[in-house]
Amino acid sequence: MSKKQHKVAPEVKADILKRVKEDGLPVSQAAEEHGVSTATIYGWLGAGTKSAPSWGEFARLKREKEELLRIVGELTVRMGASQKKSW
C-alpha cells in the first residue's frame, strides 16, 4: 500500500523554504504546519544546494576564517586585560 502524495503549490514550497532558511523555523515545525513530511522538506533543501566551492573559494574562505579568529583572539585578550585593570 503506497502513501498518497499531495502536490505542494510552488508558492507554499517557496514560503516553507524561506521560513526554514531565513527565519530559522525548525523543519519539524514547518512540516507539521503544512502537512508534509520532514523528509520532503529536507529533500527540497538538498535539491537547492550548490556544488562544493572551488579551490579558490575554499582558500578565500580559509583566509577569512583565520583573520576572523585572529580578530576574536585579539579582542579576547583586550577584554581580559581591561577586566583585570578594573579589579
PDB file of N, CA and C in Angstrom:
ATOM      1  N   MET A   1       0.836  -1.177   0.000  1.00  0.00           N
ATOM      2  CA  MET A   1       0.000   0.000   0.000  1.00  0.00           C
ATOM      3  C   MET A   1       0.883   1.243   0.000  1.00  0.00           C
ATOM      4  N   SER A   2       0.739   2.102  -0.971  1.00  0.00           N
ATOM      5  CA  SER A   2       1.584   3.288  -1.059  1.00  0.00           C
ATOM      6  C   SER A   2       0.897   4.475  -0.393  1.00  0.00           C
ATOM      7  N   LYS A   3       1.741   5.421   0.023  1.00  0.00           N
ATOM      8  CA  LYS A   3       1.209   6.632   0.642  1.00  0.00           C
ATOM      9  C   LYS A   3       0.658   7.540  -0.439  1.00  0.00           C
ATOM     10  N   LYS A   4      -0.394   8.242  -0.104  1.00  0.00           N
ATOM     11  CA  LYS A   4      -0.979   9.186  -1.041  1.00  0.00           C
ATOM     12  C   LYS A   4      -0.121  10.448  -1.027  1.00  0.00           C
ATOM     13  N   GLN A   5       0.310  10.869  -2.188  1.00  0.00           N
ATOM     14  CA  GLN A   5       1.153  12.054  -2.281  1.00  0.00           C
ATOM     15  C   GLN A   5       0.331  13.237  -2.749  1.00  0.00           C
ATOM     16  N   HIS A   6       0.564  14.346  -2.110  1.00  0.00           N
ATOM     17  CA  HIS A   6      -0.129  15.586  -2.455  1.00  0.00           C
ATOM     18  C   HIS A   6       0.878  16.539  -3.069  1.00  0.00           C
ATOM     19  N   LYS A   7       0.481  17.227  -4.100  1.00  0.00           N
ATOM     20  CA  LYS A   7       1.345  18.221  -4.738  1.00  0.00           C
ATOM     21  C   LYS A   7       1.271  19.500  -3.912  1.00  0.00           C
ATOM     22  N   VAL A   8       2.435  20.026  -3.583  1.00  0.00           N
ATOM     23  CA  VAL A   8       2.514  21.270  -2.830  1.00  0.00           C
ATOM     24  C   VAL A   8       2.683  22.402  -3.829  1.00  0.00           C
ATOM     25  N   ALA A   9       1.861  23.428  -3.691  1.00  0.00           N
ATOM     26  CA  ALA A   9       1.921  24.577  -4.590  1.00  0.00           C
ATOM     27  C   ALA A   9       3.311  25.214  -4.518  1.00  0.00           C
ATOM     28  N   PRO A  10       3.838  25.655  -5.648  1.00  0.00           N
ATOM     29  CA  PRO A  10       5.175  26.261  -5.663  1.00  0.00           C
ATOM     30  C   PRO A  10       5.318  27.437  -4.694  1.00  0.00           C
ATOM     31  N   GLU A  11       4.246  28.205  -4.532  1.00  0.00           N
ATOM     32  CA  GLU A  11       4.303  29.353  -3.611  1.00  0.00           C
ATOM     33  C   GLU A  11       4.443  28.883  -2.163  1.00  0.00           C
ATOM     34  N   VAL A  12       3.730  27.802  -1.836  1.00  0.00           N
ATOM     35  CA  VAL A  12       3.793  27.261  -0.471  1.00  0.00           C
ATOM     36  C   VAL A  12       5.182  26.683  -0.227  1.00  0.00           C
ATOM     37  N   LYS A  13       5.699  25.949  -1.207  1.00  0.00           N
ATOM     38  CA  LYS A  13       7.039  25.378  -1.089  1.00  0.00           C
ATOM     39  C   LYS A  13       8.066  26.489  -0.883  1.00  0.00           C
ATOM     40  N   ALA A  14       7.973  27.550  -1.674  1.00  0.00           N
ATOM     41  CA  ALA A  14       8.900  28.679  -1.554  1.00  0.00           C
ATOM     42  C   ALA A  14       8.788  29.324  -0.176  1.00  0.00           C
ATOM     43  N   ASP A  15       7.574  29.455   0.327  1.00  0.00           N
ATOM     44  CA  ASP A  15       7.356  30.043   1.650  1.00  0.00           C
ATOM     45  C   ASP A  15       7.972  29.171   2.737  1.00  0.00           C
ATOM     46  N   ILE A  16       7.781  27.864   2.637  1.00  0.00           N
ATOM     47  CA  ILE A  16       8.342  26.938   3.626  1.00  0.00           C
ATOM     48  C   ILE A  16       9.865  27.052   3.624  1.00  0.00           C
ATOM     49  N   LEU A  17      10.465  26.998   2.438  1.00  0.00           N
ATOM     50  CA  LEU A  17      11.920  27.072   2.349  1.00  0.00           C
ATOM     51  C   LEU A  17      12.458  28.395   2.868  1.00  0.00           C
ATOM     52  N   LYS A  18      11.763  29.486   2.572  1.00  0.00           N
ATOM     53  CA  LYS A  18      12.185  30.802   3.068  1.00  0.00           C
ATOM     54  C   LYS A  18      12.142  30.836   4.592  1.00  0.00           C
ATOM     55  N   ARG A  19      11.062  30.341   5.150  1.00  0.00           N
ATOM     56  CA  ARG A  19      10.914  30.368   6.606  1.00  0.00           C
ATOM     57  C   ARG A  19      11.966  29.498   7.294  1.00  0.00           C
ATOM     58  N   VAL A  20      12.298  28.374   6.684  1.00  0.00           N
ATOM     59  CA  VAL A  20      13.308  27.498   7.271  1.00  0.00           C
ATOM     60  C   VAL A  20      14.700  28.110   7.135  1.00  0.00           C
ATOM     61  N   LYS A  21      15.045  28.573   5.936  1.00  0.00           N
ATOM     62  CA  LYS A  21      16.384  29.099   5.673  1.00  0.00           C
ATOM     63  C   LYS A  21      16.633  30.454   6.313  1.00  0.00           C
ATOM     64  N   GLU A  22      15.707  31.367   6.134  1.00  0.00           N
ATOM     65  CA  GLU A  22      15.940  32.746   6.549  1.00  0.00           C
ATOM     66  C   GLU A  22      15.442  33.057   7.955  1.00  0.00           C
ATOM     67  N   ASP A  23      14.314  32.474   8.321  1.00  0.00           N
ATOM     68  CA  ASP A  23      13.723  32.792   9.616  1.00  0.00           C
ATOM     69  C   ASP A  23      14.123  31.802  10.708  1.00  0.00           C
ATOM     70  N   GLY A  24      14.756  30.694  10.301  1.00  0.00           N
ATOM     71  CA  GLY A  24      15.207  29.712  11.286  1.00  0.00           C
ATOM     72  C   GLY A  24      14.106  28.818  11.821  1.00  0.00           C
ATOM     73  N   LEU A  25      12.998  28.715  11.110  1.00  0.00           N
ATOM     74  CA  LEU A  25      11.904  27.848  11.539  1.00  0.00           C
ATOM     75  C   LEU A  25      12.377  26.397  11.513  1.00  0.00           C
ATOM     76  N   PRO A  26      12.182  25.644  12.587  1.00  0.00           N
ATOM     77  CA  PRO A  26      12.578  24.236  12.570  1.00  0.00           C
ATOM     78  C   PRO A  26      11.814  23.470  11.481  1.00  0.00           C
ATOM     79  N   VAL A  27      12.515  22.563  10.805  1.00  0.00           N
ATOM     80  CA  VAL A  27      11.906  21.780   9.737  1.00  0.00           C
ATOM     81  C   VAL A  27      10.707  21.008  10.275  1.00  0.00           C
ATOM     82  N   SER A  28      10.841  20.461  11.480  1.00  0.00           N
ATOM     83  CA  SER A  28       9.737  19.686  12.048  1.00  0.00           C
ATOM     84  C   SER A  28       8.481  20.536  12.220  1.00  0.00           C
ATOM     85  N   GLN A  29       8.653  21.775  12.628  1.00  0.00           N
ATOM     86  CA  GLN A  29       7.503  22.671  12.811  1.00  0.00           C
ATOM     87  C   GLN A  29       6.886  23.030  11.467  1.00  0.00           C
ATOM     88  N   ALA A  30       7.714  23.329  10.474  1.00  0.00           N
ATOM     89  CA  ALA A  30       7.202  23.659   9.141  1.00  0.00           C
ATOM     90  C   ALA A  30       6.450  22.469   8.556  1.00  0.00           C
ATOM     91  N   ALA A  31       6.998  21.268   8.747  1.00  0.00           N
ATOM     92  CA  ALA A  31       6.351  20.060   8.230  1.00  0.00           C
ATOM     93  C   ALA A  31       4.986  19.864   8.872  1.00  0.00           C
ATOM     94  N   GLU A  32       4.931  20.054  10.173  1.00  0.00           N
ATOM     95  CA  GLU A  32       3.659  19.880  10.891  1.00  0.00           C
ATOM     96  C   GLU A  32       2.635  20.922  10.451  1.00  0.00           C
ATOM     97  N   GLU A  33       3.068  22.167  10.328  1.00  0.00           N
ATOM     98  CA  GLU A  33       2.150  23.246   9.949  1.00  0.00           C
ATOM     99  C   GLU A  33       1.566  23.055   8.548  1.00  0.00           C
ATOM    100  N   HIS A  34       2.345  22.456   7.645  1.00  0.00           N
ATOM    101  CA  HIS A  34       1.914  22.358   6.250  1.00  0.00           C
ATOM    102  C   HIS A  34       1.509  20.947   5.836  1.00  0.00           C
ATOM    103  N   GLY A  35       1.574  20.009   6.760  1.00  0.00           N
ATOM    104  CA  GLY A  35       1.135  18.652   6.461  1.00  0.00           C
ATOM    105  C   GLY A  35       2.015  17.907   5.473  1.00  0.00           C
ATOM    106  N   VAL A  36       3.323  18.199   5.512  1.00  0.00           N
ATOM    107  CA  VAL A  36       4.271  17.460   4.683  1.00  0.00           C
ATOM    108  C   VAL A  36       5.287  16.797   5.604  1.00  0.00           C
ATOM    109  N   SER A  37       6.004  15.820   5.083  1.00  0.00           N
ATOM    110  CA  SER A  37       6.985  15.140   5.921  1.00  0.00           C
ATOM    111  C   SER A  37       8.268  15.956   6.027  1.00  0.00           C
ATOM    112  N   THR A  38       9.000  15.722   7.098  1.00  0.00           N
ATOM    113  CA  THR A  38      10.289  16.386   7.245  1.00  0.00           C
ATOM    114  C   THR A  38      11.230  15.942   6.130  1.00  0.00           C
ATOM    115  N   ALA A  39      11.117  14.675   5.704  1.00  0.00           N
ATOM    116  CA  ALA A  39      11.962  14.169   4.619  1.00  0.00           C
ATOM    117  C   ALA A  39      11.730  14.953   3.332  1.00  0.00           C
ATOM    118  N   THR A  40      10.486  15.320   3.081  1.00  0.00           N
ATOM    119  CA  THR A  40      10.172  16.109   1.892  1.00  0.00           C
ATOM    120  C   THR A  40      10.873  17.458   1.949  1.00  0.00           C
ATOM    121  N   ILE A  41      10.791  18.125   3.091  1.00  0.00           N
ATOM    122  CA  ILE A  41      11.411  19.441   3.230  1.00  0.00           C
ATOM    123  C   ILE A  41      12.930  19.323   3.128  1.00  0.00           C
ATOM    124  N   TYR A  42      13.510  18.313   3.782  1.00  0.00           N
ATOM    125  CA  TYR A  42      14.958  18.127   3.675  1.00  0.00           C
ATOM    126  C   TYR A  42      15.357  17.846   2.231  1.00  0.00           C
ATOM    127  N   GLY A  43      14.520  17.127   1.510  1.00  0.00           N
ATOM    128  CA  GLY A  43      14.779  16.883   0.091  1.00  0.00           C
ATOM    129  C   GLY A  43      14.795  18.173  -0.706  1.00  0.00           C
ATOM    130  N   TRP A  44      13.835  19.048  -0.431  1.00  0.00           N
ATOM    131  CA  TRP A  44      13.797  20.342  -1.108  1.00  0.00           C
ATOM    132  C   TRP A  44      15.057  21.149  -0.789  1.00  0.00           C
ATOM    133  N   LEU A  45      15.444  21.131   0.483  1.00  0.00           N
ATOM    134  CA  LEU A  45      16.630  21.876   0.892  1.00  0.00           C
ATOM    135  C   LEU A  45      17.879  21.332   0.199  1.00  0.00           C
ATOM    136  N   GLY A  46      17.981  20.023   0.108  1.00  0.00           N
ATOM    137  CA  GLY A  46      19.135  19.405  -0.532  1.00  0.00           C
ATOM    138  C   GLY A  46      19.182  19.655  -2.017  1.00  0.00           C
ATOM    139  N   ALA A  47      18.025  19.711  -2.635  1.00  0.00           N
ATOM    140  CA  ALA A  47      17.966  19.945  -4.083  1.00  0.00           C
ATOM    141  C   ALA A  47      18.428  21.352  -4.428  1.00  0.00           C
ATOM    142  N   GLY A  48      18.317  22.261  -3.499  1.00  0.00           N
ATOM    143  CA  GLY A  48      18.702  23.642  -3.761  1.00  0.00           C
ATOM    144  C   GLY A  48      20.151  23.949  -3.445  1.00  0.00           C
ATOM    145  N   THR A  49      20.912  22.949  -3.003  1.00  0.00           N
ATOM    146  CA  THR A  49      22.302  23.218  -2.658  1.00  0.00           C
ATOM    147  C   THR A  49      23.155  23.296  -3.904  1.00  0.00           C
ATOM    148  N   LYS A  50      24.206  24.043  -3.790  1.00  0.00           N
ATOM    149  CA  LYS A  50      25.152  24.196  -4.879  1.00  0.00           C
ATOM    150  C   LYS A  50      26.251  23.162  -4.713  1.00  0.00           C
ATOM    151  N   SER A  51      27.068  23.042  -5.714  1.00  0.00           N
ATOM    152  CA  SER A  51      28.198  22.129  -5.630  1.00  0.00           C
ATOM    153  C   SER A  51      29.221  22.667  -4.629  1.00  0.00           C
ATOM    154  N   ALA A  52      30.206  21.868  -4.326  1.00  0.00           N
ATOM    155  CA  ALA A  52      31.256  22.271  -3.391  1.00  0.00           C
ATOM    156  C   ALA A  52      31.974  23.506  -3.937  1.00  0.00           C
ATOM    157  N   PRO A  53      32.517  24.333  -3.035  1.00  0.00           N
ATOM    158  CA  PRO A  53      33.210  25.535  -3.518  1.00  0.00           C
ATOM    159  C   PRO A  53      34.468  25.163  -4.301  1.00  0.00           C
ATOM    160  N   SER A  54      34.871  26.052  -5.184  1.00  0.00           N
ATOM    161  CA  SER A  54      36.115  25.839  -5.935  1.00  0.00           C
ATOM    162  C   SER A  54      37.288  25.953  -4.963  1.00  0.00           C
ATOM    163  N   TRP A  55      38.460  25.523  -5.416  1.00  0.00           N
ATOM    164  CA  TRP A  55      39.646  25.624  -4.557  1.00  0.00           C
ATOM    165  C   TRP A  55      39.956  27.071  -4.234  1.00  0.00           C
ATOM    166  N   GLY A  56      39.749  27.960  -5.192  1.00  0.00           N
ATOM    167  CA  GLY A  56      39.975  29.371  -4.929  1.00  0.00           C
ATOM    168  C   GLY A  56      39.031  29.914  -3.867  1.00  0.00           C
ATOM    169  N   GLU A  57      37.770  29.527  -3.978  1.00  0.00           N
ATOM    170  CA  GLU A  57      36.776  29.953  -2.983  1.00  0.00           C
ATOM    171  C   GLU A  57      37.099  29.352  -1.617  1.00  0.00           C
ATOM    172  N   PHE A  58      37.523  28.098  -1.619  1.00  0.00           N
ATOM    173  CA  PHE A  58      37.895  27.431  -0.362  1.00  0.00           C
ATOM    174  C   PHE A  58      39.065  28.166   0.295  1.00  0.00           C
ATOM    175  N   ALA A  59      40.079  28.509  -0.478  1.00  0.00           N
ATOM    176  CA  ALA A  59      41.241  29.220   0.057  1.00  0.00           C
ATOM    177  C   ALA A  59      40.837  30.578   0.603  1.00  0.00           C
ATOM    178  N   ARG A  60      39.956  31.285  -0.125  1.00  0.00           N
ATOM    179  CA  ARG A  60      39.491  32.597   0.346  1.00  0.00           C
ATOM    180  C   ARG A  60      38.747  32.473   1.661  1.00  0.00           C
ATOM    181  N   LEU A  61      37.869  31.471   1.757  1.00  0.00           N
ATOM    182  CA  LEU A  61      37.118  31.257   2.993  1.00  0.00           C
ATOM    183  C   LEU A  61      38.036  30.883   4.151  1.00  0.00           C
ATOM    184  N   LYS A  62      39.058  30.090   3.856  1.00  0.00           N
ATOM    185  CA  LYS A  62      40.007  29.701   4.899  1.00  0.00           C
ATOM    186  C   LYS A  62      40.764  30.926   5.422  1.00  0.00           C
ATOM    187  N   ARG A  63      41.229  31.788   4.500  1.00  0.00           N
ATOM    188  CA  ARG A  63      41.919  33.017   4.922  1.00  0.00           C
ATOM    189  C   ARG A  63      40.994  33.905   5.744  1.00  0.00           C
ATOM    190  N   GLU A  64      39.757  34.027   5.299  1.00  0.00           N
ATOM    191  CA  GLU A  64      38.776  34.848   6.006  1.00  0.00           C
ATOM    192  C   GLU A  64      38.537  34.307   7.413  1.00  0.00           C
ATOM    193  N   LYS A  65      38.408  32.990   7.526  1.00  0.00           N
ATOM    194  CA  LYS A  65      38.207  32.370   8.844  1.00  0.00           C
ATOM    195  C   LYS A  65      39.395  32.643   9.755  1.00  0.00           C
ATOM    196  N   GLU A  66      40.613  32.486   9.225  1.00  0.00           N
ATOM    197  CA  GLU A  66      41.815  32.721  10.034  1.00  0.00           C
ATOM    198  C   GLU A  66      41.893  34.163  10.501  1.00  0.00           C
ATOM    199  N   GLU A  67      41.535  35.095   9.628  1.00  0.00           N
ATOM    200  CA  GLU A  67      41.546  36.514  10.000  1.00  0.00           C
ATOM    201  C   GLU A  67      40.509  36.797  11.089  1.00  0.00           C
ATOM    202  N   LEU A  68      39.336  36.218  10.954  1.00  0.00           N
ATOM    203  CA  LEU A  68      38.302  36.416  11.979  1.00  0.00           C
ATOM    204  C   LEU A  68      38.731  35.817  13.317  1.00  0.00           C
ATOM    205  N   LEU A  69      39.361  34.645  13.291  1.00  0.00           N
ATOM    206  CA  LEU A  69      39.850  34.040  14.537  1.00  0.00           C
ATOM    207  C   LEU A  69      40.928  34.913  15.177  1.00  0.00           C
ATOM    208  N   ARG A  70      41.793  35.509  14.352  1.00  0.00           N
ATOM    209  CA  ARG A  70      42.830  36.402  14.878  1.00  0.00           C
ATOM    210  C   ARG A  70      42.188  37.612  15.564  1.00  0.00           C
ATOM    211  N   ILE A  71      41.174  38.189  14.925  1.00  0.00           N
ATOM    212  CA  ILE A  71      40.488  39.347  15.498  1.00  0.00           C
ATOM    213  C   ILE A  71      39.803  38.983  16.810  1.00  0.00           C
ATOM    214  N   VAL A  72      39.125  37.840  16.829  1.00  0.00           N
ATOM    215  CA  VAL A  72      38.455  37.396  18.056  1.00  0.00           C
ATOM    216  C   VAL A  72      39.484  37.183  19.165  1.00  0.00           C
ATOM    217  N   GLY A  73      40.631  36.601  18.814  1.00  0.00           N
ATOM    218  CA  GLY A  73      41.694  36.396  19.804  1.00  0.00           C
ATOM    219  C   GLY A  73      42.186  37.701  20.389  1.00  0.00           C
ATOM    220  N   GLU A  74      42.434  38.687  19.523  1.00  0.00           N
ATOM    221  CA  GLU A  74      42.883  39.996  19.993  1.00  0.00           C
ATOM    222  C   GLU A  74      41.850  40.643  20.904  1.00  0.00           C
ATOM    223  N   LEU A  75      40.593  40.584  20.512  1.00  0.00           N
ATOM    224  CA  LEU A  75      39.539  41.183  21.331  1.00  0.00           C
ATOM    225  C   LEU A  75      39.410  40.480  22.671  1.00  0.00           C
ATOM    226  N   THR A  76      39.581  39.174  22.675  1.00  0.00           N
ATOM    227  CA  THR A  76      39.508  38.412  23.927  1.00  0.00           C
ATOM    228  C   THR A  76      40.623  38.830  24.872  1.00  0.00           C
ATOM    229  N   VAL A  77      41.829  38.980  24.334  1.00  0.00           N
ATOM    230  CA  VAL A  77      42.965  39.408  25.157  1.00  0.00           C
ATOM    231  C   VAL A  77      42.723  40.805  25.697  1.00  0.00           C
ATOM    232  N   ARG A  78      42.247  41.712  24.850  1.00  0.00           N
ATOM    233  CA  ARG A  78      41.981  43.090  25.286  1.00  0.00           C
ATOM    234  C   ARG A  78      40.915  43.129  26.382  1.00  0.00           C
ATOM    235  N   MET A  79      39.862  42.354  26.198  1.00  0.00           N
ATOM    236  CA  MET A  79      38.792  42.337  27.205  1.00  0.00           C
ATOM    237  C   MET A  79      39.311  41.767  28.515  1.00  0.00           C
ATOM    238  N   GLY A  80      40.113  40.739  28.449  1.00  0.00           N
ATOM    239  CA  GLY A  80      40.690  40.145  29.652  1.00  0.00           C
ATOM    240  C   GLY A  80      41.585  41.127  30.370  1.00  0.00           C
ATOM    241  N   ALA A  81      42.393  41.867  29.620  1.00  0.00           N
ATOM    242  CA  ALA A  81      43.296  42.859  30.224  1.00  0.00           C
ATOM    243  C   ALA A  81      42.493  43.992  30.853  1.00  0.00           C
ATOM    244  N   SER A  82      41.438  44.459  30.199  1.00  0.00           N
ATOM    245  CA  SER A  82      40.660  45.559  30.750  1.00  0.00           C
ATOM    246  C   SER A  82      39.887  45.111  31.992  1.00  0.00           C
ATOM    247  N   GLN A  83      39.474  43.864  32.044  1.00  0.00           N
ATOM    248  CA  GLN A  83      38.767  43.362  33.230  1.00  0.00           C
ATOM    249  C   GLN A  83      39.728  43.226  34.407  1.00  0.00           C
ATOM    250  N   LYS A  84      40.979  42.851  34.147  1.00  0.00           N
ATOM    251  CA  LYS A  84      41.970  42.741  35.231  1.00  0.00           C
ATOM    252  C   LYS A  84      42.277  44.104  35.826  1.00  0.00           C
ATOM    253  N   LYS A  85      42.293  45.147  34.965  1.00  0.00           N
ATOM    254  CA  LYS A  85      42.580  46.503  35.431  1.00  0.00           C
ATOM    255  C   LYS A  85      41.471  47.019  36.349  1.00  0.00           C
ATOM    256  N   SER A  86      40.242  46.588  36.108  1.00  0.00           N
ATOM    257  CA  SER A  86      39.108  47.092  36.892  1.00  0.00           C
ATOM    258  C   SER A  86      38.953  46.388  38.216  1.00  0.00           C
ATOM    259  N   TRP A  87      39.742  45.354  38.457  1.00  0.00           N
ATOM    260  CA  TRP A  87      39.630  44.632  39.743  1.00  0.00           C
ATOM    261  C   TRP A  87      40.316  45.400  40.763  1.00  0.00           C
TER     262      TRP A  87
END
